[in-house]
Amino acid sequence: MILFAARLLPSIAMLALGVAGLAKSPDLQSFAASLQGWKIVPPGWEIGLAPAIVAAEVTVAVLWFLWIGSRGLLVAALLLLLLVTGAFGAEAIIARSPDCHCYGILLRHENHQSSLRTLMTRNILLMAFLSAGLVTACRRPHHPEAAS
């Protein structure tokens, strides 16, 4: 059960992050354009923010699968999801439920991308998976020299 919580659940969340980043990457212009419509994103920031989000999602996921069990990567993924979820929630409160293009080309044909409930539920579930891995990782003794 501990292995399930420590490895599998966080790996599912990391896979979702990586897929989200990879799905947005072929059409960064569309993702940036969706951010341009957000009230909380200052004008012009979408140009740098879109590739930064994609890079963060893909980097954290790839590094996780190279070094499964890294507490730092669990924390990084949790912070990334908290930031994205918080921004989405703030935009929904200030303006409207935004179109996030969260899974880029994979969900282009579906209309439910802008559903606040769907995004919040998914991200809370992913954060729970990452938290389960972090909790079990914190219970195990950390031996950095054993990793070498």
Foldseek 3Di string as FASTA:
>chain_A
DLCCLQFVLLLVLLVLLQLLLVQCVVPLVVQLVLVCPFPVQPPPCSVVVSNVSSCLSNVLSVVCVVPPLDLVSLVSSLVSLVVVLVSQVVSCVVPRQGQRCRNHPVCPVPDCSSPNVVSVVVSVSSNSSSVSNNVSSVVDDDDVVVVD
